[in-house]
Amino acid sequence: MNDTPFPHQDPNQPKPGQLGQPSPGQAPKPPKPPKQPWATGDKKKRWPWVMGGTFAAATLFLGIAANQHENTPTASETALASRTSAAAATLSAQQAEAKRLEQEEIKRQHEEEQVRRAAEAEAERQRQAEVLAAKMDRGTYEQIGDRDFALLAKDPDAHKGRKLVIYGVVVTQFDSATGKTTFRAETGANPGDYYDYDVNSMVGVLSTTAANVVEDDMVTLYVEVVGSYSYDTQIGGNTTVPKFFANIVDVTGSK
């Protein structure tokens, strides 16, 4: 037995051969590697984390799958969308056709309005031509007696529009004061001498119709009754007389 005493050691440190320490003459054991977080000995500590991660991944996967399922149209939804699109296309075509028909109707009404206006204008032209022809037709004028003429002179407005023949009229004024389209005359219903006519009258006329008429002429007039006419006299008074419009003027002599 070797009685060589052990070198001086700290009494608090393990002696050789104890607690896994090498015996005298043995090489020291290498130090243990540091413990890893996921070492085999920590399996019991790691399983909650593994289960939690697995559950989270499964939840995420199921959520994505559910979202995709919700966003994926069903067959009925696809069919409804197709019918809606077809209905929209049909409605658009119907609207276009309705717009075309509306425009055609507006065009037709415009053309009809033009035709109507043209027809009315032509009818008015023909009416005016007929009126003018009637004005120039001596056979359309009425011949009346002295009594009827006296009644007319008494109330000219009651006889407006009548077409009459006035004989033996004497032109008493046809100058710058009366103008080229009006003259004053003594009138009567029947032919006679100039002194037989005592109804003071105003006679309107076209300037071309009365181009050859002067004062003191004896004339026969084919007139329309205009009504009553008032004017101021040269002596400062006012008088009201019958007024006629002569369409035809025949000069038969002079005073």
C-alpha atoms as a PDB file:
ATOM      1  CA  MET A   1       0.000   0.000   0.000  1.00  0.00           C
ATOM      2  CA  ASN A   2       1.160   3.434  -0.903  1.00  0.00           C
ATOM      3  CA  ASP A   3       1.056   5.536   2.190  1.00  0.00           C
ATOM      4  CA  THR A   4       1.825   8.705   0.246  1.00  0.00           C
ATOM      5  CA  PRO A   5      -0.674  11.127   1.471  1.00  0.00           C
ATOM      6  CA  PHE A   6      -3.052  12.908  -1.024  1.00  0.00           C
ATOM      7  CA  PRO A   7      -2.122  16.354  -1.941  1.00  0.00           C
ATOM      8  CA  HIS A   8      -3.767  19.026   0.088  1.00  0.00           C
ATOM      9  CA  GLN A   9      -7.349  19.472  -1.079  1.00  0.00           C
ATOM     10  CA  ASP A  10     -10.165  21.750  -0.234  1.00  0.00           C
ATOM     11  CA  PRO A  11     -12.298  19.877   2.222  1.00  0.00           C
ATOM     12  CA  ASN A  12     -15.368  21.305   0.438  1.00  0.00           C
ATOM     13  CA  GLN A  13     -14.376  19.747  -2.941  1.00  0.00           C
ATOM     14  CA  PRO A  14     -15.141  16.113  -3.776  1.00  0.00           C
ATOM     15  CA  LYS A  15     -12.275  13.717  -3.348  1.00  0.00           C
ATOM     16  CA  PRO A  16     -10.966  11.673  -6.228  1.00  0.00           C
ATOM     17  CA  GLY A  17     -13.168   8.705  -6.997  1.00  0.00           C
ATOM     18  CA  GLN A  18     -16.247  10.369  -5.516  1.00  0.00           C
ATOM     19  CA  LEU A  19     -19.234  11.984  -7.321  1.00  0.00           C
ATOM     20  CA  GLY A  20     -17.947  10.866 -10.686  1.00  0.00           C
ATOM     21  CA  GLN A  21     -14.459  12.252 -10.165  1.00  0.00           C
ATOM     22  CA  PRO A  22     -11.578  10.207 -11.648  1.00  0.00           C
ATOM     23  CA  SER A  23      -9.675   7.926  -9.294  1.00  0.00           C
ATOM     24  CA  PRO A  24      -6.059   8.556  -8.695  1.00  0.00           C
ATOM     25  CA  GLY A  25      -4.181   7.825 -11.876  1.00  0.00           C
ATOM     26  CA  GLN A  26      -7.252   8.282 -14.174  1.00  0.00           C
ATOM     27  CA  ALA A  27      -7.644  11.149 -16.682  1.00  0.00           C
ATOM     28  CA  PRO A  28     -10.345  13.656 -15.797  1.00  0.00           C
ATOM     29  CA  LYS A  29     -13.682  13.255 -17.589  1.00  0.00           C
ATOM     30  CA  PRO A  30     -14.545  15.875 -20.161  1.00  0.00           C
ATOM     31  CA  PRO A  31     -17.178  18.424 -19.056  1.00  0.00           C
ATOM     32  CA  LYS A  32     -20.782  17.762 -20.014  1.00  0.00           C
ATOM     33  CA  PRO A  33     -22.090  19.819 -22.942  1.00  0.00           C
ATOM     34  CA  PRO A  34     -24.597  22.554 -22.062  1.00  0.00           C
ATOM     35  CA  LYS A  35     -28.230  21.439 -21.978  1.00  0.00           C
ATOM     36  CA  GLN A  36     -30.165  22.341 -25.180  1.00  0.00           C
ATOM     37  CA  PRO A  37     -33.650  23.820 -24.924  1.00  0.00           C
ATOM     38  CA  TRP A  38     -35.140  20.979 -26.917  1.00  0.00           C
ATOM     39  CA  ALA A  39     -32.942  18.190 -25.496  1.00  0.00           C
ATOM     40  CA  THR A  40     -34.495  14.789 -25.075  1.00  0.00           C
ATOM     41  CA  GLY A  41     -34.701  15.210 -21.375  1.00  0.00           C
ATOM     42  CA  ASP A  42     -37.075  18.243 -21.863  1.00  0.00           C
ATOM     43  CA  LYS A  43     -39.760  16.417 -23.838  1.00  0.00           C
ATOM     44  CA  LYS A  44     -42.200  16.721 -20.989  1.00  0.00           C
ATOM     45  CA  LYS A  45     -41.639  20.471 -20.927  1.00  0.00           C
ATOM     46  CA  ARG A  46     -41.925  20.862 -24.733  1.00  0.00           C
ATOM     47  CA  TRP A  47     -45.179  19.004 -25.482  1.00  0.00           C
ATOM     48  CA  PRO A  48     -47.525  21.904 -24.539  1.00  0.00           C
ATOM     49  CA  TRP A  49     -45.716  24.143 -27.020  1.00  0.00           C
ATOM     50  CA  VAL A  50     -45.839  21.509 -29.738  1.00  0.00           C
ATOM     51  CA  MET A  51     -49.546  20.887 -29.177  1.00  0.00           C
ATOM     52  CA  GLY A  52     -50.265  24.600 -29.116  1.00  0.00           C
ATOM     53  CA  GLY A  53     -48.407  25.182 -32.380  1.00  0.00           C
ATOM     54  CA  THR A  54     -50.171  22.232 -33.994  1.00  0.00           C
ATOM     55  CA  PHE A  55     -53.550  23.526 -32.863  1.00  0.00           C
ATOM     56  CA  ALA A  56     -52.755  27.050 -34.123  1.00  0.00           C
ATOM     57  CA  ALA A  57     -51.659  25.695 -37.512  1.00  0.00           C
ATOM     58  CA  ALA A  58     -54.772  23.552 -37.754  1.00  0.00           C
ATOM     59  CA  THR A  59     -56.972  26.520 -36.836  1.00  0.00           C
ATOM     60  CA  LEU A  60     -55.264  28.716 -39.460  1.00  0.00           C
ATOM     61  CA  PHE A  61     -55.652  26.021 -42.105  1.00  0.00           C
ATOM     62  CA  LEU A  62     -59.324  25.516 -41.310  1.00  0.00           C
ATOM     63  CA  GLY A  63     -59.896  29.304 -41.379  1.00  0.00           C
ATOM     64  CA  ILE A  64     -58.246  29.638 -44.791  1.00  0.00           C
ATOM     65  CA  ALA A  65     -60.225  26.675 -46.103  1.00  0.00           C
ATOM     66  CA  ALA A  66     -63.478  28.104 -44.739  1.00  0.00           C
ATOM     67  CA  ASN A  67     -62.714  31.519 -46.256  1.00  0.00           C
ATOM     68  CA  GLN A  68     -61.985  29.952 -49.632  1.00  0.00           C
ATOM     69  CA  HIS A  69     -65.217  27.987 -49.356  1.00  0.00           C
ATOM     70  CA  GLU A  70     -67.162  31.143 -48.568  1.00  0.00           C
ATOM     71  CA  ASN A  71     -65.558  33.027 -51.480  1.00  0.00           C
ATOM     72  CA  THR A  72     -66.163  30.202 -53.929  1.00  0.00           C
ATOM     73  CA  PRO A  73     -69.598  30.725 -55.592  1.00  0.00           C
ATOM     74  CA  THR A  74     -71.959  27.811 -55.538  1.00  0.00           C
ATOM     75  CA  ALA A  75     -73.590  26.395 -58.648  1.00  0.00           C
ATOM     76  CA  SER A  76     -76.852  28.204 -57.844  1.00  0.00           C
ATOM     77  CA  GLU A  77     -75.005  31.467 -57.317  1.00  0.00           C
ATOM     78  CA  THR A  78     -73.179  31.009 -60.613  1.00  0.00           C
ATOM     79  CA  ALA A  79     -76.456  30.285 -62.386  1.00  0.00           C
ATOM     80  CA  LEU A  80     -78.102  33.316 -60.778  1.00  0.00           C
ATOM     81  CA  ALA A  81     -75.194  35.530 -61.831  1.00  0.00           C
ATOM     82  CA  SER A  82     -75.472  34.156 -65.374  1.00  0.00           C
ATOM     83  CA  ARG A  83     -79.228  34.816 -65.486  1.00  0.00           C
ATOM     84  CA  THR A  84     -78.705  38.305 -64.058  1.00  0.00           C
ATOM     85  CA  SER A  85     -76.068  39.066 -66.701  1.00  0.00           C
ATOM     86  CA  ALA A  86     -78.350  37.759 -69.457  1.00  0.00           C
ATOM     87  CA  ALA A  87     -81.278  39.792 -68.093  1.00  0.00           C
ATOM     88  CA  ALA A  88     -79.083  42.907 -67.983  1.00  0.00           C
ATOM     89  CA  ALA A  89     -78.019  42.341 -71.580  1.00  0.00           C
ATOM     90  CA  THR A  90     -81.649  41.833 -72.627  1.00  0.00           C
ATOM     91  CA  LEU A  91     -82.722  44.978 -70.757  1.00  0.00           C
ATOM     92  CA  SER A  92     -79.924  46.966 -72.390  1.00  0.00           C
ATOM     93  CA  ALA A  93     -81.034  45.750 -75.822  1.00  0.00           C
ATOM     94  CA  GLN A  94     -84.659  46.599 -75.007  1.00  0.00           C
ATOM     95  CA  GLN A  95     -83.643  50.067 -73.817  1.00  0.00           C
ATOM     96  CA  ALA A  96     -81.661  50.649 -77.016  1.00  0.00           C
ATOM     97  CA  GLU A  97     -84.629  49.522 -79.106  1.00  0.00           C
ATOM     98  CA  ALA A  98     -87.001  51.713 -77.085  1.00  0.00           C
ATOM     99  CA  LYS A  99     -84.661  54.685 -77.574  1.00  0.00           C
ATOM    100  CA  ARG A 100     -84.535  54.030 -81.318  1.00  0.00           C
ATOM    101  CA  LEU A 101     -88.321  53.796 -81.529  1.00  0.00           C
ATOM    102  CA  GLU A 102     -88.661  56.994 -79.478  1.00  0.00           C
ATOM    103  CA  GLN A 103     -86.321  58.865 -81.816  1.00  0.00           C
ATOM    104  CA  GLU A 104     -88.186  57.546 -84.843  1.00  0.00           C
ATOM    105  CA  GLU A 105     -91.483  58.667 -83.284  1.00  0.00           C
ATOM    106  CA  ILE A 106     -90.079  62.140 -82.611  1.00  0.00           C
ATOM    107  CA  LYS A 107     -88.834  62.328 -86.205  1.00  0.00           C
ATOM    108  CA  ARG A 108     -92.212  61.157 -87.525  1.00  0.00           C
ATOM    109  CA  GLN A 109     -94.086  63.712 -85.425  1.00  0.00           C
ATOM    110  CA  HIS A 110     -91.700  66.449 -86.603  1.00  0.00           C
ATOM    111  CA  GLU A 111     -92.259  65.488 -90.239  1.00  0.00           C
ATOM    112  CA  GLU A 112     -96.010  65.379 -89.689  1.00  0.00           C
ATOM    113  CA  GLU A 113     -95.865  68.815 -88.056  1.00  0.00           C
ATOM    114  CA  GLN A 114     -93.970  70.183 -91.051  1.00  0.00           C
ATOM    115  CA  VAL A 115     -96.513  68.657 -93.430  1.00  0.00           C
ATOM    116  CA  ARG A 116     -99.374  70.058 -91.323  1.00  0.00           C
ATOM    117  CA  ARG A 117     -97.879  73.545 -91.247  1.00  0.00           C
ATOM    118  CA  ALA A 118     -97.220  73.454 -94.968  1.00  0.00           C
ATOM    119  CA  ALA A 119    -100.811  72.340 -95.568  1.00  0.00           C
ATOM    120  CA  GLU A 120    -102.132  75.104 -93.297  1.00  0.00           C
ATOM    121  CA  ALA A 121     -99.967  77.689 -95.070  1.00  0.00           C
ATOM    122  CA  GLU A 122    -101.208  76.490 -98.453  1.00  0.00           C
ATOM    123  CA  ALA A 123    -104.809  76.502 -97.225  1.00  0.00           C
ATOM    124  CA  GLU A 124    -104.381  80.051 -95.924  1.00  0.00           C
ATOM    125  CA  ARG A 125    -102.844  81.129 -99.218  1.00  0.00           C
ATOM    126  CA  GLN A 126    -105.766  79.642-101.106  1.00  0.00           C
ATOM    127  CA  ARG A 127    -108.219  81.278 -98.704  1.00  0.00           C
ATOM    128  CA  GLN A 128    -106.575  84.655 -99.164  1.00  0.00           C
ATOM    129  CA  ALA A 129    -106.628  84.146-102.911  1.00  0.00           C
ATOM    130  CA  GLU A 130    -110.314  83.259-102.749  1.00  0.00           C
ATOM    131  CA  VAL A 131    -111.037  86.279-100.530  1.00  0.00           C
ATOM    132  CA  LEU A 132    -109.189  88.543-102.936  1.00  0.00           C
ATOM    133  CA  ALA A 133    -110.994  86.991-105.865  1.00  0.00           C
ATOM    134  CA  ALA A 134    -114.289  87.548-104.074  1.00  0.00           C
ATOM    135  CA  LYS A 135    -113.351  91.155-103.347  1.00  0.00           C
ATOM    136  CA  MET A 136    -112.773  91.682-107.040  1.00  0.00           C
ATOM    137  CA  ASP A 137    -115.983  89.888-108.045  1.00  0.00           C
ATOM    138  CA  ARG A 138    -118.599  92.574-108.593  1.00  0.00           C
ATOM    139  CA  GLY A 139    -121.343  89.989-108.352  1.00  0.00           C
ATOM    140  CA  THR A 140    -120.608  89.435-104.636  1.00  0.00           C
ATOM    141  CA  TYR A 141    -121.648  93.013-103.649  1.00  0.00           C
ATOM    142  CA  GLU A 142    -125.149  93.815-102.426  1.00  0.00           C
ATOM    143  CA  GLN A 143    -127.288  96.610-103.813  1.00  0.00           C
ATOM    144  CA  ILE A 144    -129.518  98.291-101.231  1.00  0.00           C
ATOM    145  CA  GLY A 145    -132.195 101.018-101.219  1.00  0.00           C
ATOM    146  CA  ASP A 146    -132.225 104.476 -99.702  1.00  0.00           C
ATOM    147  CA  ARG A 147    -133.893 103.347 -96.451  1.00  0.00           C
ATOM    148  CA  ASP A 148    -131.343 100.592 -95.826  1.00  0.00           C
ATOM    149  CA  PHE A 149    -128.566 103.051 -96.549  1.00  0.00           C
ATOM    150  CA  ALA A 150    -130.062 105.541 -94.059  1.00  0.00           C
ATOM    151  CA  LEU A 151    -130.113 102.837 -91.378  1.00  0.00           C
ATOM    152  CA  LEU A 152    -126.493 102.043 -92.166  1.00  0.00           C
ATOM    153  CA  ALA A 153    -125.512 105.705 -91.853  1.00  0.00           C
ATOM    154  CA  LYS A 154    -127.329 105.838 -88.490  1.00  0.00           C
ATOM    155  CA  ASP A 155    -125.425 102.834 -87.028  1.00  0.00           C
ATOM    156  CA  PRO A 156    -122.425 101.821 -89.154  1.00  0.00           C
ATOM    157  CA  ASP A 157    -121.061  99.394 -86.554  1.00  0.00           C
ATOM    158  CA  ALA A 158    -124.204  97.254 -86.866  1.00  0.00           C
ATOM    159  CA  HIS A 159    -123.397  96.663 -90.551  1.00  0.00           C
ATOM    160  CA  LYS A 160    -119.683  95.767 -90.340  1.00  0.00           C
ATOM    161  CA  GLY A 161    -118.498  93.412 -93.045  1.00  0.00           C
ATOM    162  CA  ARG A 162    -121.385  93.937 -95.470  1.00  0.00           C
ATOM    163  CA  LYS A 163    -120.367  94.216 -99.115  1.00  0.00           C
ATOM    164  CA  LEU A 164    -122.299  97.001-100.841  1.00  0.00           C
ATOM    165  CA  VAL A 165    -122.458  98.944-104.078  1.00  0.00           C
ATOM    166  CA  ILE A 166    -122.558 102.726-103.581  1.00  0.00           C
ATOM    167  CA  TYR A 167    -123.577 104.803-106.622  1.00  0.00           C
ATOM    168  CA  GLY A 168    -123.033 108.401-107.540  1.00  0.00           C
ATOM    169  CA  VAL A 169    -120.449 109.222-104.880  1.00  0.00           C
ATOM    170  CA  VAL A 170    -118.870 112.661-105.041  1.00  0.00           C
ATOM    171  CA  VAL A 171    -115.257 112.953-103.830  1.00  0.00           C
ATOM    172  CA  THR A 172    -115.148 116.023-101.589  1.00  0.00           C
ATOM    173  CA  GLN A 173    -111.603 115.712-100.205  1.00  0.00           C
ATOM    174  CA  PHE A 174    -108.660 113.706-101.393  1.00  0.00           C
ATOM    175  CA  ASP A 175    -105.441 115.532-100.604  1.00  0.00           C
ATOM    176  CA  SER A 176    -102.336 115.535 -98.403  1.00  0.00           C
ATOM    177  CA  ALA A 177    -104.536 115.852 -95.315  1.00  0.00           C
ATOM    178  CA  THR A 178    -106.364 112.597 -96.016  1.00  0.00           C
ATOM    179  CA  GLY A 179    -103.364 110.824 -97.566  1.00  0.00           C
ATOM    180  CA  LYS A 180    -103.159 108.504-100.552  1.00  0.00           C
ATOM    181  CA  THR A 181    -105.255 105.705 -99.052  1.00  0.00           C
ATOM    182  CA  THR A 182    -108.261 107.647 -97.680  1.00  0.00           C
ATOM    183  CA  PHE A 183    -110.689 110.173 -99.126  1.00  0.00           C
ATOM    184  CA  ARG A 184    -113.888 111.869 -97.961  1.00  0.00           C
ATOM    185  CA  ALA A 185    -117.040 111.669-100.057  1.00  0.00           C
ATOM    186  CA  GLU A 186    -120.799 112.326-100.149  1.00  0.00           C
ATOM    187  CA  THR A 187    -122.462 108.974-100.620  1.00  0.00           C
ATOM    188  CA  GLY A 188    -125.820 107.487-101.567  1.00  0.00           C
ATOM    189  CA  ALA A 189    -127.428 104.150-102.413  1.00  0.00           C
ATOM    190  CA  ASN A 190    -128.617 104.914-105.971  1.00  0.00           C
ATOM    191  CA  PRO A 191    -127.268 106.813-108.989  1.00  0.00           C
ATOM    192  CA  GLY A 192    -128.225 110.492-109.167  1.00  0.00           C
ATOM    193  CA  ASP A 193    -126.931 114.020-109.442  1.00  0.00           C
ATOM    194  CA  TYR A 194    -124.170 115.175-107.150  1.00  0.00           C
ATOM    195  CA  TYR A 195    -126.600 117.166-105.008  1.00  0.00           C
ATOM    196  CA  ASP A 196    -128.583 114.013-104.236  1.00  0.00           C
ATOM    197  CA  TYR A 197    -125.864 112.627-101.940  1.00  0.00           C
ATOM    198  CA  ASP A 198    -125.756 113.988 -98.427  1.00  0.00           C
ATOM    199  CA  VAL A 199    -124.174 111.204 -96.294  1.00  0.00           C
ATOM    200  CA  ASN A 200    -120.677 112.300 -95.374  1.00  0.00           C
ATOM    201  CA  SER A 201    -118.414 109.230 -95.440  1.00  0.00           C
ATOM    202  CA  MET A 202    -114.758 108.202 -95.166  1.00  0.00           C
ATOM    203  CA  VAL A 203    -113.490 105.719 -97.746  1.00  0.00           C
ATOM    204  CA  GLY A 204    -110.307 103.680 -97.394  1.00  0.00           C
ATOM    205  CA  VAL A 205    -108.684 102.389-100.543  1.00  0.00           C
ATOM    206  CA  LEU A 206    -105.476 100.925-101.888  1.00  0.00           C
ATOM    207  CA  SER A 207    -103.292 103.615-103.411  1.00  0.00           C
ATOM    208  CA  THR A 208    -103.123 101.661-106.668  1.00  0.00           C
ATOM    209  CA  THR A 209    -106.911 101.347-106.799  1.00  0.00           C
ATOM    210  CA  ALA A 210    -107.460 105.092-106.337  1.00  0.00           C
ATOM    211  CA  ALA A 211    -104.516 106.266-108.431  1.00  0.00           C
ATOM    212  CA  ASN A 212    -106.790 108.065-110.923  1.00  0.00           C
ATOM    213  CA  VAL A 213    -109.318 109.477-108.411  1.00  0.00           C
ATOM    214  CA  VAL A 214    -109.369 113.210-107.617  1.00  0.00           C
ATOM    215  CA  GLU A 215    -111.724 115.649-105.880  1.00  0.00           C
ATOM    216  CA  ASP A 216    -115.142 116.283-107.522  1.00  0.00           C
ATOM    217  CA  ASP A 217    -115.056 112.920-109.299  1.00  0.00           C
ATOM    218  CA  MET A 218    -118.292 110.986-109.576  1.00  0.00           C
ATOM    219  CA  VAL A 219    -117.521 107.381-108.691  1.00  0.00           C
ATOM    220  CA  THR A 220    -119.203 104.041-108.115  1.00  0.00           C
ATOM    221  CA  LEU A 221    -117.680 102.107-105.250  1.00  0.00           C
ATOM    222  CA  TYR A 222    -117.734  98.422-104.394  1.00  0.00           C
ATOM    223  CA  VAL A 223    -117.135  98.586-100.676  1.00  0.00           C
ATOM    224  CA  GLU A 224    -117.047  96.664 -97.412  1.00  0.00           C
ATOM    225  CA  VAL A 225    -118.520  98.368 -94.341  1.00  0.00           C
ATOM    226  CA  VAL A 226    -115.756  99.060 -91.779  1.00  0.00           C
ATOM    227  CA  GLY A 227    -117.955 100.759 -89.133  1.00  0.00           C
ATOM    228  CA  SER A 228    -118.058 104.201 -87.571  1.00  0.00           C
ATOM    229  CA  TYR A 229    -115.199 106.687 -87.809  1.00  0.00           C
ATOM    230  CA  SER A 230    -114.614 109.915 -85.843  1.00  0.00           C
ATOM    231  CA  TYR A 231    -112.384 112.821 -86.841  1.00  0.00           C
ATOM    232  CA  ASP A 232    -111.806 116.477 -86.008  1.00  0.00           C
ATOM    233  CA  THR A 233    -113.288 119.038 -88.389  1.00  0.00           C
ATOM    234  CA  GLN A 234    -111.556 122.128 -89.713  1.00  0.00           C
ATOM    235  CA  ILE A 235    -113.781 124.417 -87.654  1.00  0.00           C
ATOM    236  CA  GLY A 236    -112.640 122.748 -84.394  1.00  0.00           C
ATOM    237  CA  GLY A 237    -115.470 120.276 -83.905  1.00  0.00           C
ATOM    238  CA  ASN A 238    -115.680 116.490 -84.037  1.00  0.00           C
ATOM    239  CA  THR A 239    -117.900 114.305 -86.172  1.00  0.00           C
ATOM    240  CA  THR A 240    -118.612 110.588 -86.589  1.00  0.00           C
ATOM    241  CA  VAL A 241    -119.360 109.152 -90.021  1.00  0.00           C
ATOM    242  CA  PRO A 242    -119.626 105.740 -91.724  1.00  0.00           C
ATOM    243  CA  LYS A 243    -116.373 104.323 -93.030  1.00  0.00           C
ATOM    244  CA  PHE A 244    -116.058 102.021 -96.021  1.00  0.00           C
ATOM    245  CA  PHE A 245    -113.196 100.233 -97.695  1.00  0.00           C
ATOM    246  CA  ALA A 246    -113.417 100.325-101.495  1.00  0.00           C
ATOM    247  CA  ASN A 247    -112.053  97.292-103.340  1.00  0.00           C
ATOM    248  CA  ILE A 248    -113.194  98.520-106.751  1.00  0.00           C
ATOM    249  CA  VAL A 249    -113.469 102.153-107.830  1.00  0.00           C
ATOM    250  CA  ASP A 250    -115.147 103.141-111.093  1.00  0.00           C
ATOM    251  CA  VAL A 251    -114.866 106.821-112.091  1.00  0.00           C
ATOM    252  CA  THR A 252    -118.144 107.681-113.884  1.00  0.00           C
ATOM    253  CA  GLY A 253    -117.732 111.447-114.333  1.00  0.00           C
ATOM    254  CA  SER A 254    -116.975 114.620-112.478  1.00  0.00           C
ATOM    255  CA  LYS A 255    -118.939 117.336-110.738  1.00  0.00           C
END
